[in-house]
Protein backbone atom coordinates (compact mmCIF):
# COMPACT_ATOMS: atom_id res chain seq x y z
CA UNK A 1 -37.48 -13.55 -1.43
CA UNK A 2 -38.53 -12.73 2.14
CA UNK A 3 -36.34 -15.52 3.51
CA UNK A 4 -33.33 -14.26 1.52
CA UNK A 5 -33.87 -10.68 2.72
CA UNK A 6 -34.26 -11.80 6.34
CA UNK A 7 -31.15 -13.97 6.10
CA UNK A 8 -29.10 -11.13 4.61
CA UNK A 9 -30.17 -8.69 7.32
CA UNK A 10 -29.46 -11.24 10.04
CA UNK A 11 -26.02 -12.01 8.60
CA UNK A 12 -25.12 -8.31 8.34
CA UNK A 13 -26.37 -7.59 11.86
CA UNK A 14 -24.37 -10.52 13.22
CA UNK A 15 -21.16 -9.26 11.58
CA UNK A 16 -21.75 -5.72 12.85
CA UNK A 17 -22.34 -6.98 16.39
CA UNK A 18 -19.25 -9.18 16.22
CA UNK A 19 -17.08 -6.27 15.05
CA UNK A 20 -18.38 -3.99 17.81
CA UNK A 21 -18.08 -6.50 20.66
CA UNK A 22 -14.64 -8.13 20.97
CA UNK A 23 -14.35 -11.32 22.99
CA UNK A 24 -12.77 -11.77 26.41
CA UNK A 25 -9.18 -12.80 25.70
CA UNK A 26 -6.83 -15.09 27.53
CA UNK A 27 -3.71 -13.38 28.95
CA UNK A 28 -0.23 -14.12 27.52
CA UNK A 29 1.28 -17.44 28.58
CA UNK A 30 4.93 -17.13 29.77
CA UNK A 31 5.59 -20.72 28.69
CA UNK A 32 4.82 -19.89 25.04
CA UNK A 33 7.33 -18.50 22.56
CA UNK A 34 7.17 -14.83 21.57
CA UNK A 35 6.24 -14.07 17.97
CA UNK A 36 7.14 -10.48 17.11
CA UNK A 37 5.65 -8.94 13.95
CA UNK A 38 7.06 -5.70 12.54
CA UNK A 39 4.51 -3.77 10.46
CA UNK A 40 0.76 -3.50 9.87
CA UNK A 41 0.69 -3.65 6.09
CA UNK A 42 -0.67 -6.31 3.76
CA UNK A 43 1.65 -9.08 4.89
CA UNK A 44 1.43 -8.37 8.61
CA UNK A 45 -2.36 -7.96 8.55
CA UNK A 46 -2.76 -11.29 6.75
CA UNK A 47 -0.60 -13.00 9.38
CA UNK A 48 -2.69 -11.50 12.17
CA UNK A 49 -5.88 -12.67 10.48
CA UNK A 50 -4.68 -16.27 10.32
CA UNK A 51 -2.36 -16.77 13.30
CA UNK A 52 -3.51 -18.94 16.19
CA UNK A 53 -2.62 -16.76 19.16
CA UNK A 54 -3.02 -19.66 21.58
CA UNK A 55 0.29 -21.01 20.25
CA UNK A 56 2.37 -17.85 20.75
CA UNK A 57 2.65 -14.64 22.69
CA UNK A 58 2.11 -12.31 19.73
CA UNK A 59 3.56 -8.78 19.77
CA UNK A 60 3.04 -6.26 16.95
CA UNK A 61 5.21 -3.17 16.44
CA UNK A 62 4.38 -0.51 13.85
CA UNK A 63 4.53 3.31 13.55
CA UNK A 64 0.86 3.28 12.47
CA UNK A 65 -1.91 1.61 14.43
CA UNK A 66 -4.02 0.71 11.40
CA UNK A 67 -4.05 -1.28 8.19
CA UNK A 68 -4.30 0.82 5.03
CA UNK A 69 -6.09 -0.46 1.91
CA UNK A 70 -3.57 1.06 -0.50
CA UNK A 71 -5.29 0.25 -3.84
CA UNK A 72 -7.90 2.93 -3.12
CA UNK A 73 -5.41 5.51 -1.84
CA UNK A 74 -5.41 7.51 -5.13
CA UNK A 75 -9.17 7.97 -4.70
CA UNK A 76 -8.56 9.75 -1.38
CA UNK A 77 -6.39 12.44 -2.97
CA UNK A 78 -9.35 14.11 -4.69
CA UNK A 79 -12.15 13.28 -2.26
CA UNK A 80 -13.74 10.38 -4.14
CA UNK A 81 -13.26 8.31 -0.99
CA UNK A 82 -12.60 9.63 2.52
CA UNK A 83 -9.39 8.62 4.27
CA UNK A 84 -11.04 6.83 7.20
CA UNK A 85 -12.95 4.57 4.84
CA UNK A 86 -9.81 2.64 3.85
CA UNK A 87 -8.20 2.55 7.30
CA UNK A 88 -8.82 -0.36 9.67
CA UNK A 89 -7.45 0.03 13.23
CA UNK A 90 -5.17 -2.90 13.88
CA UNK A 91 -6.88 -3.55 17.20
CA UNK A 92 -10.05 -4.38 15.26
CA UNK A 93 -8.07 -7.47 14.28
CA UNK A 94 -6.04 -8.20 17.42
CA UNK A 95 -8.96 -7.77 19.85
CA UNK A 96 -10.86 -10.56 18.11
CA UNK A 97 -8.12 -13.14 18.63
CA UNK A 98 -8.42 -15.89 21.23
CA UNK A 99 -5.41 -14.74 23.28
CA UNK A 100 -4.33 -11.16 23.90
CA UNK A 101 -2.01 -9.57 21.36
CA UNK A 102 0.24 -6.72 22.45
CA UNK A 103 0.54 -3.77 20.08
CA UNK A 104 3.16 -1.01 20.35
CA UNK A 105 2.94 2.08 18.15
CA UNK A 106 6.62 2.64 17.51
CA UNK A 107 9.33 2.49 14.85
CA UNK A 108 11.76 -0.41 14.84
CA UNK A 109 15.19 1.21 14.62
CA UNK A 110 17.43 -1.86 15.01
CA UNK A 111 17.26 -5.65 14.70
CA UNK A 112 19.84 -7.83 16.46
CA UNK A 113 19.65 -11.29 14.83
CA UNK A 114 22.26 -12.76 17.20
CA UNK A 115 20.68 -11.83 20.53
CA UNK A 116 17.17 -11.95 19.04
CA UNK A 117 16.15 -8.45 20.11
CA UNK A 118 14.71 -5.39 18.39
CA UNK A 119 15.02 -1.77 19.43
CA UNK A 120 11.80 0.23 19.15
CA UNK A 121 11.33 3.97 19.49
CA UNK A 122 8.23 6.11 19.98
CA UNK A 123 8.50 8.81 17.31
CA UNK A 124 5.00 10.26 17.70
CA UNK A 125 4.45 13.95 18.39
CA UNK A 126 3.43 13.33 22.00
CA UNK A 127 5.80 11.11 23.99
CA UNK A 128 5.90 9.81 27.53
CA UNK A 129 8.89 9.60 29.81
CA UNK A 130 10.02 6.38 28.12
CA UNK A 131 10.25 6.50 24.33
CA UNK A 132 12.82 3.79 23.60
CA UNK A 133 12.79 0.10 24.49
CA UNK A 134 14.31 -3.28 23.62
CA UNK A 135 12.04 -6.26 22.96
CA UNK A 136 13.05 -9.92 22.90
CA UNK A 137 11.66 -12.45 20.46
CA UNK A 138 11.82 -16.14 19.67
CA UNK A 139 10.40 -15.71 16.19
CA UNK A 140 10.46 -12.49 14.18
CA UNK A 141 8.52 -11.47 11.06
CA UNK A 142 9.90 -8.46 9.18
CA UNK A 143 6.98 -6.92 7.29
CA UNK A 144 7.95 -3.25 7.36
CA UNK A 145 7.40 -2.63 3.64
CA UNK A 146 9.52 -0.14 1.73
CA UNK A 147 9.77 3.59 1.18
CA UNK A 148 9.67 5.77 -1.92
CA UNK A 149 12.69 5.62 -4.19
CA UNK A 150 13.93 9.06 -5.23
CA UNK A 151 16.84 7.55 -7.23
CA UNK A 152 19.13 10.11 -5.63
CA UNK A 153 17.54 12.98 -7.59
CA UNK A 154 18.05 16.19 -5.68
CA UNK A 155 14.92 18.11 -4.78
CA UNK A 156 12.42 15.23 -4.91
CA UNK A 157 11.95 14.99 -1.15
CA UNK A 158 11.65 18.76 -0.77
CA UNK A 159 9.30 19.58 -3.65
CA UNK A 160 7.35 16.44 -4.62
CA UNK A 161 4.41 14.68 -3.00
CA UNK A 162 4.58 10.92 -2.56
CA UNK A 163 1.60 8.57 -2.65
CA UNK A 164 2.25 5.70 -0.25
CA UNK A 165 0.69 6.60 3.09
CA UNK A 166 -2.52 8.25 4.24
CA UNK A 167 -0.71 11.48 5.13
CA UNK A 168 0.60 11.61 1.55
CA UNK A 169 -2.97 11.61 0.25
CA UNK A 170 -3.90 14.41 2.66
CA UNK A 171 -0.91 16.46 1.55
CA UNK A 172 -1.76 16.02 -2.13
CA UNK A 173 -5.38 16.99 -1.54
CA UNK A 174 -4.37 20.16 0.33
CA UNK A 175 -1.71 21.14 -2.21
CA UNK A 176 -4.08 20.52 -5.12
CA UNK A 177 -6.67 22.91 -3.70
CA UNK A 178 -3.91 25.41 -2.86
CA UNK A 179 -2.85 25.44 -6.52
CA UNK A 180 -6.42 26.01 -7.70
CA UNK A 181 -7.20 28.75 -5.19
CA UNK A 182 -3.86 30.49 -5.82
CA UNK A 183 -4.57 30.43 -9.55
CA UNK A 184 -7.91 32.14 -8.81
CA UNK A 185 -6.24 34.90 -6.79
CA UNK A 186 -6.93 38.37 -8.27
CA UNK A 187 -4.19 39.80 -10.46
CA UNK A 188 -2.38 36.47 -10.87
CA UNK A 189 -0.23 36.63 -14.06
CA UNK A 190 -1.38 34.35 -16.85
CA UNK A 191 1.95 32.53 -16.98
CA UNK A 192 1.75 31.82 -13.24
CA UNK A 193 -1.82 30.58 -13.58
CA UNK A 194 -0.63 28.18 -16.27
CA UNK A 195 2.14 26.88 -13.98
CA UNK A 196 -0.12 26.51 -10.95
CA UNK A 197 -2.67 24.54 -12.93
CA UNK A 198 -0.16 22.13 -14.44
CA UNK A 199 -0.32 18.88 -12.45
CA UNK A 200 2.57 16.49 -13.12
CA UNK A 201 2.70 12.81 -12.16
CA UNK A 202 6.05 10.99 -12.32
CA UNK A 203 5.69 7.24 -12.69
CA UNK A 204 3.65 5.22 -15.16
CA UNK A 205 2.90 2.25 -12.90
CA UNK A 206 -0.55 1.48 -11.46
CA UNK A 207 -0.29 4.12 -8.72
CA UNK A 208 0.66 6.95 -11.08
CA UNK A 209 -1.90 5.95 -13.71
CA UNK A 210 -4.72 5.59 -11.17
CA UNK A 211 -3.92 8.95 -9.61
CA UNK A 212 -3.90 10.59 -13.05
CA UNK A 213 -7.29 8.99 -13.75
CA UNK A 214 -8.75 10.16 -10.43
CA UNK A 215 -7.41 13.68 -10.97
CA UNK A 216 -8.92 13.81 -14.45
CA UNK A 217 -12.32 12.83 -13.02
CA UNK A 218 -12.11 15.56 -10.41
CA UNK A 219 -11.26 18.16 -13.04
CA UNK A 220 -14.05 17.27 -15.48
CA UNK A 221 -16.74 16.34 -12.96
CA UNK A 222 -16.26 18.96 -10.24
CA UNK A 223 -13.81 21.69 -11.17
CA UNK A 224 -15.75 22.66 -14.28
CA UNK A 225 -18.80 23.44 -12.11
CA UNK A 226 -17.16 25.29 -9.23
CA UNK A 227 -14.21 26.94 -11.04
CA UNK A 228 -15.55 27.56 -14.56
CA UNK A 229 -12.94 30.26 -15.26
CA UNK A 230 -10.06 27.87 -14.53
CA UNK A 231 -11.29 24.49 -15.75
CA UNK A 232 -10.10 24.86 -19.34
CA UNK A 233 -6.66 26.01 -18.18
CA UNK A 234 -5.78 22.88 -16.20
CA UNK A 235 -3.15 20.57 -17.69
CA UNK A 236 -2.22 17.07 -16.59
CA UNK A 237 1.03 15.33 -17.58
CA UNK A 238 2.34 11.85 -16.83
CA UNK A 239 6.11 11.31 -17.02
CA UNK A 240 7.45 7.77 -17.43
CA UNK A 241 11.04 6.69 -18.01
CA UNK A 242 10.15 3.52 -19.91
CA UNK A 243 8.73 3.34 -23.42
CA UNK A 244 5.14 2.81 -22.20
CA UNK A 245 2.96 3.06 -19.11
CA UNK A 246 1.82 0.00 -17.14
CA UNK A 247 4.54 -2.37 -18.41
CA UNK A 248 3.11 -5.23 -16.30
CA UNK A 249 -0.11 -5.27 -18.36
CA UNK A 250 -0.69 -6.76 -21.81
CA UNK A 251 0.09 -4.66 -24.88
CA UNK A 252 -3.60 -4.42 -25.72
CA UNK A 253 -4.40 -2.79 -22.37
CA UNK A 254 -1.38 -0.49 -22.56
CA UNK A 255 -2.59 0.81 -25.93
CA UNK A 256 -6.13 1.18 -24.56
CA UNK A 257 -4.86 3.18 -21.56
CA UNK A 258 -2.71 5.47 -23.68
CA UNK A 259 -5.56 6.12 -26.14
CA UNK A 260 -7.95 6.81 -23.25
CA UNK A 261 -5.48 9.25 -21.72
CA UNK A 262 -5.06 10.96 -25.08
CA UNK A 263 -8.83 11.40 -25.47
CA UNK A 264 -8.98 12.74 -21.90
CA UNK A 265 -6.22 15.24 -22.78
CA UNK A 266 -3.71 13.72 -20.38
CA UNK A 267 -0.24 14.30 -21.81
CA UNK A 268 1.93 11.17 -21.63
CA UNK A 269 5.69 11.72 -21.75
CA UNK A 270 7.18 8.23 -22.08
CA UNK A 271 10.89 7.63 -22.49
CA UNK A 272 11.52 10.68 -20.30
CA UNK A 273 13.76 10.54 -17.25
CA UNK A 274 13.58 13.18 -14.52
CA UNK A 275 17.03 14.66 -13.93
CA UNK A 276 16.32 17.59 -11.60
CA UNK A 277 13.47 18.72 -9.38
CA UNK A 278 13.14 22.38 -8.44
CA UNK A 279 10.50 24.25 -6.48
CA UNK A 280 8.47 25.22 -9.52
CA UNK A 281 9.75 23.04 -12.36
CA UNK A 282 11.36 19.72 -13.20
CA UNK A 283 14.01 18.96 -15.80
CA UNK A 284 13.50 15.85 -17.92
CA UNK A 285 15.73 14.15 -20.47
CA UNK A 286 13.98 12.54 -23.42
CA UNK A 287 15.07 9.39 -25.24
CA UNK A 288 16.93 11.51 -27.81
CA UNK A 289 18.93 13.18 -25.00
CA UNK A 290 17.06 16.48 -25.20
CA UNK A 291 16.54 18.32 -21.90
CA UNK A 292 13.29 20.16 -21.18
CA UNK A 293 11.98 22.21 -18.30
CA UNK A 294 8.41 21.48 -17.22
CA UNK A 295 6.77 23.94 -14.81
CA UNK A 296 4.30 22.52 -12.30
CA UNK A 297 1.98 23.51 -9.50
CA UNK A 298 1.62 19.99 -8.08
CA UNK A 299 4.18 17.22 -8.52
CA UNK A 300 3.27 13.67 -7.47
CA UNK A 301 6.15 11.18 -7.30
CA UNK A 302 4.81 7.64 -7.87
CA UNK A 303 7.90 5.66 -8.82
CA UNK A 304 9.53 2.52 -7.35
CA UNK A 305 10.53 1.43 -3.85
CA UNK A 306 13.71 1.33 -1.84
CA UNK A 307 14.47 -0.39 1.44
CA UNK A 308 13.91 1.21 4.83
CA UNK A 309 16.95 1.95 6.96
CA UNK A 310 16.22 -0.81 9.48
CA UNK A 311 16.25 -3.38 6.65
CA UNK A 312 19.46 -1.98 5.17
CA UNK A 313 21.10 -2.15 8.60
CA UNK A 314 20.00 -5.77 9.03
CA UNK A 315 21.38 -6.67 5.60
CA UNK A 316 24.68 -5.03 6.59
CA UNK A 317 24.92 -7.32 9.63
CA UNK A 318 24.60 -10.39 7.40
CA UNK A 319 27.05 -9.64 4.54
CA UNK A 320 27.70 -13.26 3.58
CA UNK A 321 24.04 -14.30 3.30
CA UNK A 322 22.48 -10.99 2.22
CA UNK A 323 24.18 -10.21 -1.06
CA UNK A 324 21.44 -8.15 -2.72
CA UNK A 325 20.92 -4.44 -2.21
CA UNK A 326 17.29 -4.60 -3.31
CA UNK A 327 15.89 -6.34 -0.22
CA UNK A 328 16.18 -9.24 2.19
CA UNK A 329 16.91 -12.58 0.58
CA UNK A 330 14.59 -15.33 1.80
CA UNK A 331 14.24 -19.04 1.07
CA UNK A 332 11.15 -20.87 -0.18
CA UNK A 333 9.69 -20.80 3.33
CA UNK A 334 10.27 -17.01 3.60
CA UNK A 335 13.05 -17.44 6.19
CA UNK A 336 15.65 -14.68 6.12
CA UNK A 337 18.89 -16.19 4.91
CA UNK A 338 21.67 -16.12 7.48
CA UNK A 339 19.32 -15.92 10.48
CA UNK A 340 17.55 -18.22 12.90
CA UNK A 341 13.86 -17.83 13.66
CA UNK A 342 13.35 -14.85 11.35
CA UNK A 343 11.01 -14.47 8.38
CA UNK A 344 10.41 -11.57 6.00
CA UNK A 345 7.80 -10.83 3.35
CA UNK A 346 6.37 -8.18 1.08
CA UNK A 347 8.34 -5.15 -0.08
CA UNK A 348 11.03 -5.73 2.55
CA UNK A 349 12.28 -8.70 0.54
CA UNK A 350 13.87 -9.27 -2.85
CA UNK A 351 12.28 -12.28 -4.57
CA UNK A 352 11.23 -13.36 -8.05
CA UNK A 353 7.76 -11.95 -7.36
CA UNK A 354 6.62 -8.42 -8.17
CA UNK A 355 6.24 -5.98 -5.23
CA UNK A 356 2.44 -6.22 -5.18
CA UNK A 357 -0.13 -6.16 -2.39
CA UNK A 358 -1.50 -9.54 -3.45
CA UNK A 359 1.97 -11.09 -3.15
CA UNK A 360 2.44 -9.77 0.40
CA UNK A 361 -1.10 -10.83 1.34
CA UNK A 362 -0.57 -14.39 0.09
CA UNK A 363 2.81 -14.55 1.82
CA UNK A 364 1.16 -13.47 5.09
CA UNK A 365 -1.56 -16.10 4.76
CA UNK A 366 1.05 -18.75 4.00
CA UNK A 367 3.28 -17.70 6.90
CA UNK A 368 0.37 -17.76 9.37
CA UNK A 369 -0.36 -21.37 8.36
CA UNK A 370 3.34 -22.27 8.61
CA UNK A 371 3.66 -20.74 12.08
CA UNK A 372 0.46 -22.42 13.23
CA UNK A 373 1.75 -25.76 12.01
CA UNK A 374 5.15 -25.15 13.60
CA UNK A 375 3.56 -24.14 16.89
CA UNK A 376 1.42 -27.28 17.01
CA UNK A 377 4.40 -29.50 16.20
CA UNK A 378 6.51 -27.83 18.89
CA UNK A 379 3.70 -28.36 21.37
CA UNK A 380 4.25 -32.10 20.92
CA UNK A 381 6.91 -32.94 23.50
CA UNK A 382 8.33 -35.96 21.69
CA UNK A 383 8.61 -34.08 18.39
CA UNK A 384 10.23 -31.01 19.97
CA UNK A 385 12.76 -33.15 21.79
CA UNK A 386 14.03 -34.88 18.67
CA UNK A 387 13.53 -32.29 15.89
CA UNK A 388 14.72 -28.69 15.50
CA UNK A 389 12.34 -25.95 14.25
CA UNK A 390 14.26 -25.74 10.96
CA UNK A 391 13.86 -29.49 10.43
CA UNK A 392 10.14 -29.17 11.09
CA UNK A 393 9.83 -26.29 8.62
CA UNK A 394 11.65 -28.21 5.87
CA UNK A 395 8.86 -30.80 6.00
CA UNK A 396 6.23 -28.13 5.30
CA UNK A 397 5.07 -26.94 1.91
CA UNK A 398 7.10 -23.99 0.51
CA UNK A 399 5.43 -20.75 -0.55
CA UNK A 400 4.01 -20.58 -4.06
CA UNK A 401 2.47 -17.40 -5.40
CA UNK A 402 -0.85 -17.68 -7.22
CA UNK A 403 -1.37 -14.81 -9.67
CA UNK A 404 -4.90 -13.43 -9.26
CA UNK A 405 -4.80 -10.84 -12.01
CA UNK A 406 -4.08 -7.12 -12.29
CA UNK A 407 -6.50 -4.20 -12.08
CA UNK A 408 -6.10 -0.48 -12.68
CA UNK A 409 -8.52 2.44 -12.88
CA UNK A 410 -7.71 4.83 -15.74
CA UNK A 411 -10.38 7.52 -15.30
CA UNK A 412 -13.66 8.41 -17.02
CA UNK A 413 -15.39 5.38 -15.42
CA UNK A 414 -13.06 2.99 -17.21
CA UNK A 415 -10.70 0.37 -15.89
CA UNK A 416 -8.42 -2.33 -17.26
CA UNK A 417 -7.83 -5.87 -16.05
CA UNK A 418 -5.64 -8.84 -16.87
CA UNK A 419 -7.56 -11.81 -15.44
CA UNK A 420 -6.24 -15.42 -15.41
CA UNK A 421 -8.95 -17.86 -16.51
CA UNK A 422 -8.21 -21.58 -16.97
CA UNK A 423 -4.52 -20.94 -17.43
CA UNK A 424 -5.01 -18.11 -19.92
CA UNK A 425 -4.80 -14.36 -19.23
CA UNK A 426 -7.85 -12.50 -20.49
CA UNK A 427 -7.56 -8.75 -21.13
CA UNK A 428 -10.62 -6.66 -20.29
CA UNK A 429 -11.28 -2.92 -20.42
CA UNK A 430 -14.04 -0.35 -20.39
CA UNK A 431 -17.04 0.51 -18.23
CA UNK A 432 -17.93 -3.10 -17.40
CA UNK A 433 -14.36 -3.65 -16.17
CA UNK A 434 -14.71 -0.51 -14.03
CA UNK A 435 -17.75 -2.06 -12.32
CA UNK A 436 -15.74 -5.26 -11.80
CA UNK A 437 -12.88 -3.16 -10.38
CA UNK A 438 -15.27 -1.61 -7.86
CA UNK A 439 -16.83 -4.90 -6.79
CA UNK A 440 -13.43 -6.61 -6.51
CA UNK A 441 -12.00 -3.93 -4.25
CA UNK A 442 -15.11 -3.83 -2.04
CA UNK A 443 -14.84 -7.60 -1.56
CA UNK A 444 -11.13 -7.32 -0.74
CA UNK A 445 -11.75 -4.82 2.07
CA UNK A 446 -11.16 -6.54 5.39
CA UNK A 447 -14.47 -5.96 7.16
CA UNK A 448 -18.10 -4.91 6.78
CA UNK A 449 -17.39 -1.49 8.27
CA UNK A 450 -14.93 -0.48 5.55
CA UNK A 451 -17.04 -2.05 2.82
CA UNK A 452 -20.07 0.01 3.84
CA UNK A 453 -18.03 3.21 4.22
CA UNK A 454 -16.41 2.92 0.78
CA UNK A 455 -19.72 2.11 -0.86
CA UNK A 456 -21.33 5.09 0.87
CA UNK A 457 -18.51 7.36 -0.30
CA UNK A 458 -19.08 6.31 -3.90
CA UNK A 459 -22.82 7.00 -3.56
CA UNK A 460 -22.16 10.42 -1.99
CA UNK A 461 -19.77 11.32 -4.78
CA UNK A 462 -22.35 10.38 -7.40
CA UNK A 463 -25.15 12.33 -5.73
CA UNK A 464 -23.33 15.39 -4.38
CA UNK A 465 -19.94 15.49 -6.09
CA UNK A 466 -16.59 15.70 -4.36
CA UNK A 467 -15.80 18.01 -1.48
CA UNK A 468 -13.68 20.93 -2.75
CA UNK A 469 -12.74 22.29 0.70
CA UNK A 470 -9.04 22.81 1.21
CA UNK A 471 -8.84 20.80 4.46
């Protein structure tokens, strides 16, 4: 027992020291090829974890200088977990690589596949004298993700809150407390109180369901204590265009989720399509073509994805090879069709795989191994002289996605999971699955720092409740 405790402490201390003390790195080698990575999401972060920087001059461009653990983002909207706990600065990864990696906080506004250049622009609030530049590459990885799909519905961008980035979670948290405090304002009409305290979530996928579950927990665990006059007036509705929520899960788990929501007094409006979004209400059309107005105080838009403008522009430059509007078409080695020396992964692509974090993460791990193998082969003078990079890649194993299961938190300390075991998918739900959900996500966090911070946040929430401050 003593030996195990001593070993655990030593291991933890070693990891903490390693994270706090980056190594001395070798400078870039002009003789090496430049590998340019666009993005710092799941795919890009996985590439950076696995890439051998001694083989390339690695450059990373992204408008955010951190990796965001998105599965726990709904927990940040109500204060269950603090924002910083699921953010890992990208330099915590790049500074631990053997050779120096350049990082530029900027947006990529244009990709030139012919001249192999990208245009990057500093769009931060504080800019220097130079805020636009052109970077050259030998190999390019497009891992910019996607943006929220509004389906062309007028008013969504102006009046709804999205849930994709850390600033979205901050906005939701602020607006949620604004609704509650405004409802508590003296002399507020009863009808207005009812509107302000009606929280509407559009989208019955994992993000929408998990946010609804987190919001329910906040209402029953915290609001009832600190706002006793308002707690019983709060309403929560989930709007979904399809016939059920969580269509990617088994029917058993869908029924369990819907029954849990019903017992938690979460109103599920399936088969309902949003047609209009106004400042204080939305208009939905039900499956029987009836239109209804639903007033809201807070509207969270958690629907599908659409491509970013830089990806759409790139697809427009390759009309013969890029024939899909839903994302970049890639081959089995994740090479962008119609280009040379360019790969893409994650939500920026259109493949047979679902747009999930685990898909992008596995693609990034695969691509890091492919690039490492390619770099080592190209370092062999005889091989490079007789074989092209594409011929070398064709000899390598293509990408194959390995399904690791699906998890979702549904509130009230309950979660659901579809877990593949020995070729069969096992459905699990309840409190035990919630504990599994917690342990799985802690293990998936990239480093000890984030693991300890998330665990501490859960302990603080249990002991002291959630912070109800507006900011």
